[in-house]
């Protein structure tokens, strides 16, 4: 099966440099096929900085760029030749198999819904992402696509997250928890209480309410929440990882024995850094659309982009959207 990934080369904070560098790495290390979508001159100037002989890389021109402050509706109506919209159109036209973008997440979701459409039975697509836990990984969704949710939306997030973990982590009947401010059934708000009722009646392996700490202790495989809470959780997690690393470095530099201990423990520190590095997780899939879209952080580096491209290819190969449609 020939899989070509359309990369929105103009969407990130440091585009197109990181998108081009990431595409080069993905093509070289994982034998990917990539079409870079955006301003041809700027993309070519970046490609000229790399050795690309023998790599399956091409450019598809798009004259417009979606900014982080552009509204999703304006992108759909007024920026039909944006690199983001064109990338989705290439997939819809059969010229590519999936989209990777580090651009405006609201616009990515809007393009996914408008160009690909939603899978029947899914009211709201969701952004799902893995966070590290003591044992392996925890899938959390929604991570920011839907700020205001209904109980039926959270139930659908649980179905999508459970199937995703089953497919990509090879876990049978993943354990699902609903994020709340306590484990007791009396806790939560109206949304969580009504969602809790739906999930208890489902065929999912639902364990009930979970708290913030359960995201990281490995007690559940899937954590469900609305996009407002999920995005705050993601940003706090990223900020905490950076803060812990910085504070640890400060303490080590203050003491000679600590520096000596660091030298002895360097392999462990390196492994820990890799485990919590957001770049190692690439991007977050937009679940619930009839196609494959991977949403990367706006500040993603080339490593994150390359991993997201590989993720997109795996997503296509496993036919996740078809499996979800059949499940519903």
Protein backbone atom coordinates (compact mmCIF):
# COMPACT_ATOMS: atom_id res chain seq x y z
CA UNK A 1 0.00 0.00 0.00
CA UNK A 2 1.49 3.33 -1.11
CA UNK A 3 1.16 5.92 1.66
CA UNK A 4 1.99 9.56 1.11
CA UNK A 5 1.69 12.07 3.95
CA UNK A 6 0.67 15.66 3.23
CA UNK A 7 2.53 17.97 5.63
CA UNK A 8 1.27 21.50 6.18
CA UNK A 9 4.69 23.10 5.89
CA UNK A 10 3.54 26.60 6.88
CA UNK A 11 1.54 25.94 10.05
CA UNK A 12 4.03 25.85 12.93
CA UNK A 13 5.80 28.53 14.92
CA UNK A 14 9.07 27.83 13.09
CA UNK A 15 7.76 26.85 9.68
CA UNK A 16 8.79 25.78 7.17
CA UNK A 17 12.22 24.91 8.61
CA UNK A 18 11.10 22.30 11.16
CA UNK A 19 8.50 20.75 8.85
CA UNK A 20 11.08 20.33 6.08
CA UNK A 21 13.74 18.96 8.46
CA UNK A 22 11.21 16.58 10.01
CA UNK A 23 10.05 15.37 6.60
CA UNK A 24 13.64 14.70 5.55
CA UNK A 25 14.26 12.62 8.68
CA UNK A 26 10.99 10.69 8.25
CA UNK A 27 11.78 9.88 4.62
CA UNK A 28 15.36 8.88 5.39
CA UNK A 29 14.80 6.85 8.57
CA UNK A 30 11.37 5.33 7.97
CA UNK A 31 11.12 5.30 4.18
CA UNK A 32 8.11 7.63 4.20
CA UNK A 33 6.66 9.49 1.24
CA UNK A 34 5.91 13.15 1.94
CA UNK A 35 4.38 16.05 0.04
CA UNK A 36 5.21 19.41 1.62
CA UNK A 37 2.36 21.88 1.14
CA UNK A 38 2.96 25.62 1.15
CA UNK A 39 5.04 28.38 -0.40
CA UNK A 40 7.23 26.61 -2.97
CA UNK A 41 10.11 29.09 -2.82
CA UNK A 42 10.39 29.04 0.97
CA UNK A 43 10.09 25.26 1.18
CA UNK A 44 12.67 24.72 -1.58
CA UNK A 45 15.09 27.09 0.18
CA UNK A 46 14.86 24.89 3.27
CA UNK A 47 15.15 21.66 1.29
CA UNK A 48 18.36 22.97 -0.28
CA UNK A 49 19.93 22.84 3.19
CA UNK A 50 19.50 19.06 3.35
CA UNK A 51 20.74 16.05 1.42
CA UNK A 52 17.57 14.74 -0.22
CA UNK A 53 18.85 12.48 -3.01
CA UNK A 54 16.78 9.31 -3.19
CA UNK A 55 14.13 10.59 -0.79
CA UNK A 56 10.45 10.58 -1.74
CA UNK A 57 9.82 14.28 -1.16
CA UNK A 58 7.78 16.68 -3.26
CA UNK A 59 6.29 20.16 -2.96
CA UNK A 60 2.72 21.22 -3.63
CA UNK A 61 2.26 24.98 -3.77
CA UNK A 62 -0.31 26.80 -1.65
CA UNK A 63 -0.47 30.58 -1.65
CA UNK A 64 -2.02 31.27 1.76
CA UNK A 65 -1.10 30.63 5.39
CA UNK A 66 -3.42 29.98 8.35
CA UNK A 67 -2.42 32.04 11.37
CA UNK A 68 -2.92 31.00 14.97
CA UNK A 69 -5.52 33.75 15.40
CA UNK A 70 -7.54 32.97 12.28
CA UNK A 71 -11.03 31.74 13.09
CA UNK A 72 -11.90 28.26 11.77
CA UNK A 73 -14.88 29.65 9.84
CA UNK A 74 -12.71 32.26 8.11
CA UNK A 75 -10.20 29.59 7.14
CA UNK A 76 -12.94 27.53 5.49
CA UNK A 77 -14.57 30.48 3.72
CA UNK A 78 -11.70 32.82 2.89
CA UNK A 79 -8.49 30.76 2.81
CA UNK A 80 -9.27 27.92 0.44
CA UNK A 81 -5.70 27.98 -0.91
CA UNK A 82 -4.07 27.84 2.50
CA UNK A 83 -1.43 25.17 3.08
CA UNK A 84 -3.71 23.56 5.68
CA UNK A 85 -6.81 23.40 3.50
CA UNK A 86 -4.85 22.25 0.45
CA UNK A 87 -3.25 19.44 2.48
CA UNK A 88 -6.70 18.13 3.40
CA UNK A 89 -7.89 18.53 -0.19
CA UNK A 90 -4.95 16.45 -1.45
CA UNK A 91 -6.09 13.56 0.75
CA UNK A 92 -9.70 13.97 -0.32
CA UNK A 93 -8.58 13.88 -3.97
CA UNK A 94 -6.59 10.68 -3.41
CA UNK A 95 -3.21 12.38 -3.90
CA UNK A 96 -2.16 11.76 -0.29
CA UNK A 97 -3.25 9.48 2.56
CA UNK A 98 -3.06 11.65 5.69
CA UNK A 99 -2.41 15.18 6.95
CA UNK A 100 0.14 16.36 9.51
CA UNK A 101 -0.01 19.96 10.74
CA UNK A 102 1.44 22.02 13.59
CA UNK A 103 -0.98 24.82 12.81
CA UNK A 104 -4.13 26.28 14.33
CA UNK A 105 -5.84 23.29 16.03
CA UNK A 106 -9.33 24.80 15.65
CA UNK A 107 -8.74 25.26 11.92
CA UNK A 108 -7.37 21.72 11.63
CA UNK A 109 -10.52 20.35 13.22
CA UNK A 110 -12.74 22.51 11.00
CA UNK A 111 -10.94 21.36 7.84
CA UNK A 112 -11.10 17.76 8.99
CA UNK A 113 -14.84 17.94 9.57
CA UNK A 114 -15.58 19.93 6.41
CA UNK A 115 -13.31 18.09 3.96
CA UNK A 116 -13.31 14.55 5.40
CA UNK A 117 -16.60 14.61 7.28
CA UNK A 118 -17.39 12.91 10.58
CA UNK A 119 -17.70 9.19 11.07
CA UNK A 120 -21.35 8.24 11.46
CA UNK A 121 -22.21 8.10 15.16
CA UNK A 122 -19.60 10.70 16.18
CA UNK A 123 -21.00 14.13 16.99
CA UNK A 124 -17.69 15.80 17.82
CA UNK A 125 -14.21 14.71 16.74
CA UNK A 126 -11.67 14.85 19.55
CA UNK A 127 -7.93 15.30 19.90
CA UNK A 128 -6.37 12.39 21.76
CA UNK A 129 -2.82 12.24 23.07
CA UNK A 130 -0.62 9.96 25.15
CA UNK A 131 0.92 11.05 28.43
CA UNK A 132 3.59 8.93 30.16
CA UNK A 133 2.68 6.90 33.24
CA UNK A 134 4.63 4.64 35.61
CA UNK A 135 4.04 1.60 33.41
CA UNK A 136 3.50 2.74 29.82
CA UNK A 137 1.21 5.47 28.47
CA UNK A 138 -2.22 6.93 29.21
CA UNK A 139 -4.46 8.14 26.40
CA UNK A 140 -6.25 11.39 27.31
CA UNK A 141 -9.05 12.95 25.27
CA UNK A 142 -10.30 15.47 24.50
CA UNK A 143 -7.14 17.59 24.56
CA UNK A 144 -8.67 20.82 23.32
CA UNK A 145 -10.91 20.38 20.29
CA UNK A 146 -14.17 20.73 22.24
CA UNK A 147 -14.37 23.18 25.12
CA UNK A 148 -18.12 22.75 25.67
CA UNK A 149 -19.29 19.14 25.70
CA UNK A 150 -22.39 17.06 26.29
CA UNK A 151 -22.45 13.68 28.05
CA UNK A 152 -22.92 11.93 24.70
CA UNK A 153 -19.70 13.55 23.47
CA UNK A 154 -17.70 12.22 26.42
CA UNK A 155 -19.17 8.76 25.87
CA UNK A 156 -18.04 8.88 22.22
CA UNK A 157 -14.59 10.07 23.31
CA UNK A 158 -14.40 6.98 25.53
CA UNK A 159 -15.30 4.69 22.63
CA UNK A 160 -12.66 6.29 20.40
CA UNK A 161 -9.97 6.33 23.08
CA UNK A 162 -10.60 2.72 24.03
CA UNK A 163 -10.33 1.54 20.42
CA UNK A 164 -7.20 3.63 19.89
CA UNK A 165 -5.40 2.07 22.87
CA UNK A 166 -6.56 -1.37 21.79
CA UNK A 167 -5.13 -0.84 18.30
CA UNK A 168 -1.88 0.98 19.10
CA UNK A 169 -0.90 -0.43 22.50
CA UNK A 170 -2.34 -3.91 21.86
CA UNK A 171 -4.36 -3.84 25.07
CA UNK A 172 -7.53 -5.89 25.23
CA UNK A 173 -10.47 -4.08 26.89
CA UNK A 174 -8.56 -0.94 27.95
CA UNK A 175 -9.49 0.50 31.33
CA UNK A 176 -11.41 3.77 31.00
CA UNK A 177 -11.75 6.48 33.63
CA UNK A 178 -13.65 9.78 33.71
CA UNK A 179 -11.60 12.68 35.05
CA UNK A 180 -13.21 14.37 38.05
CA UNK A 181 -12.35 16.11 41.31
CA UNK A 182 -12.74 12.93 43.34
CA UNK A 183 -13.47 9.24 42.98
CA UNK A 184 -16.79 9.33 44.85
CA UNK A 185 -19.94 9.31 42.71
CA UNK A 186 -21.16 12.43 44.49
CA UNK A 187 -18.22 14.42 43.11
CA UNK A 188 -17.97 16.15 39.74
CA UNK A 189 -20.31 18.53 37.97
CA UNK A 190 -23.46 17.98 35.94
CA UNK A 191 -21.46 17.00 32.84
CA UNK A 192 -19.36 14.37 34.62
CA UNK A 193 -22.32 12.93 36.57
CA UNK A 194 -24.45 12.48 33.44
CA UNK A 195 -21.48 11.14 31.49
CA UNK A 196 -20.78 8.72 34.35
CA UNK A 197 -24.28 7.27 33.99
CA UNK A 198 -23.81 6.70 30.26
CA UNK A 199 -20.42 5.10 30.68
CA UNK A 200 -21.61 2.75 33.46
CA UNK A 201 -24.30 1.42 31.11
CA UNK A 202 -21.87 0.92 28.21
CA UNK A 203 -19.93 -2.17 27.15
CA UNK A 204 -16.64 -0.39 27.81
CA UNK A 205 -14.31 -1.45 30.60
CA UNK A 206 -15.27 1.63 32.60
CA UNK A 207 -13.78 1.96 36.09
CA UNK A 208 -15.54 5.16 37.16
CA UNK A 209 -14.20 8.54 38.24
CA UNK A 210 -10.45 9.10 38.33
CA UNK A 211 -8.42 12.00 39.69
CA UNK A 212 -5.54 13.92 38.15
CA UNK A 213 -2.89 11.69 39.69
CA UNK A 214 -4.40 8.62 38.04
CA UNK A 215 -3.34 9.96 34.65
CA UNK A 216 0.26 9.14 35.59
CA UNK A 217 0.07 6.11 37.92
CA UNK A 218 -0.95 3.54 35.32
CA UNK A 219 -4.27 2.62 36.97
CA UNK A 220 -6.21 3.39 33.78
CA UNK A 221 -5.42 3.29 30.07
CA UNK A 222 -7.86 5.97 28.87
CA UNK A 223 -8.86 9.18 30.65
CA UNK A 224 -11.88 11.12 29.38
CA UNK A 225 -12.60 14.83 29.90
CA UNK A 226 -13.86 17.85 28.00
CA UNK A 227 -11.44 19.82 25.86
CA UNK A 228 -11.10 22.71 28.32
CA UNK A 229 -9.94 20.45 31.14
CA UNK A 230 -7.84 18.30 28.79
CA UNK A 231 -5.96 21.24 27.35
CA UNK A 232 -5.21 22.61 30.82
CA UNK A 233 -4.00 19.15 31.85
CA UNK A 234 -1.73 18.98 28.80
CA UNK A 235 -0.22 22.43 29.32
CA UNK A 236 0.31 21.84 33.06
CA UNK A 237 2.00 18.51 32.28
CA UNK A 238 4.32 20.12 29.74
CA UNK A 239 5.12 22.99 32.10
CA UNK A 240 5.77 20.65 35.01
CA UNK A 241 8.16 18.51 32.95
CA UNK A 242 10.17 21.60 32.01
CA UNK A 243 10.11 22.94 35.58
CA UNK A 244 11.26 19.64 37.10
CA UNK A 245 14.12 19.41 34.63
CA UNK A 246 15.22 22.98 35.28
CA UNK A 247 15.01 22.72 39.07
CA UNK A 248 16.90 19.42 39.05
CA UNK A 249 19.64 20.99 36.91
CA UNK A 250 19.90 23.93 39.33
CA UNK A 251 20.28 21.64 42.34
CA UNK A 252 22.90 19.49 40.61
CA UNK A 253 24.97 22.54 39.64
CA UNK A 254 25.00 23.80 43.25
CA UNK A 255 26.83 20.80 44.72
CA UNK A 256 30.03 19.03 43.70
CA UNK A 257 28.82 15.62 44.92
CA UNK A 258 25.56 16.10 43.04
CA UNK A 259 27.56 16.74 39.86
CA UNK A 260 29.52 13.58 40.47
CA UNK A 261 26.34 11.65 41.09
CA UNK A 262 24.86 13.03 37.89
CA UNK A 263 27.79 11.70 35.88
CA UNK A 264 27.18 8.24 37.31
CA UNK A 265 23.43 8.46 36.76
CA UNK A 266 23.55 10.14 33.34
CA UNK A 267 22.06 7.15 31.46
CA UNK A 268 19.07 7.15 33.82
CA UNK A 269 18.58 10.91 33.43
CA UNK A 270 18.77 10.58 29.64
CA UNK A 271 16.16 7.81 29.65
CA UNK A 272 13.91 9.87 31.92
CA UNK A 273 14.22 12.94 29.71
CA UNK A 274 13.30 10.88 26.65
CA UNK A 275 10.31 9.38 28.44
CA UNK A 276 8.76 12.76 29.29
CA UNK A 277 9.84 14.63 26.14
CA UNK A 278 6.68 15.73 24.27
CA UNK A 279 8.57 15.42 20.97
CA UNK A 280 8.79 11.64 21.50
CA UNK A 281 4.99 11.45 21.15
CA UNK A 282 4.91 13.29 17.82
CA UNK A 283 1.42 14.63 17.36
CA UNK A 284 -2.11 13.97 18.55
CA UNK A 285 -4.61 12.24 16.26
CA UNK A 286 -7.88 13.94 15.43
CA UNK A 287 -10.27 11.08 16.15
CA UNK A 288 -13.76 10.81 14.70
CA UNK A 289 -13.16 12.16 11.20
CA UNK A 290 -13.37 10.02 8.07
CA UNK A 291 -9.67 10.25 7.39
CA UNK A 292 -6.35 10.74 9.14
CA UNK A 293 -5.25 14.04 10.62
CA UNK A 294 -2.38 14.47 13.10
CA UNK A 295 -2.25 17.67 15.16
CA UNK A 296 1.22 18.76 16.32
CA UNK A 297 2.09 21.41 18.89
CA UNK A 298 2.75 24.79 17.33
CA UNK A 299 6.26 24.81 18.79
CA UNK A 300 7.06 21.29 17.60
CA UNK A 301 10.65 20.66 16.57
CA UNK A 302 11.78 18.57 13.60
CA UNK A 303 11.91 15.42 15.73
CA UNK A 304 8.23 15.77 16.71
CA UNK A 305 7.26 16.39 13.08
CA UNK A 306 9.15 13.33 11.87
CA UNK A 307 7.51 11.11 14.49
CA UNK A 308 4.09 12.57 13.63
CA UNK A 309 4.66 11.66 9.98
CA UNK A 310 5.48 8.10 10.99
CA UNK A 311 2.38 8.05 13.22
CA UNK A 312 0.21 9.17 10.32
CA UNK A 313 1.50 6.33 8.18
CA UNK A 314 0.78 3.78 10.92
CA UNK A 315 -2.68 5.28 11.37
CA UNK A 316 -3.43 4.77 7.69
CA UNK A 317 -2.08 1.21 7.67
CA UNK A 318 -4.20 0.13 10.61
CA UNK A 319 -7.34 1.69 9.05
CA UNK A 320 -8.44 3.13 12.38
CA UNK A 321 -11.26 5.24 10.94
CA UNK A 322 -12.76 2.19 9.26
CA UNK A 323 -12.54 0.17 12.47
CA UNK A 324 -14.24 2.96 14.41
CA UNK A 325 -17.01 3.24 11.82
CA UNK A 326 -17.62 -0.52 12.02
CA UNK A 327 -17.63 -0.42 15.83
CA UNK A 328 -20.30 2.27 15.88
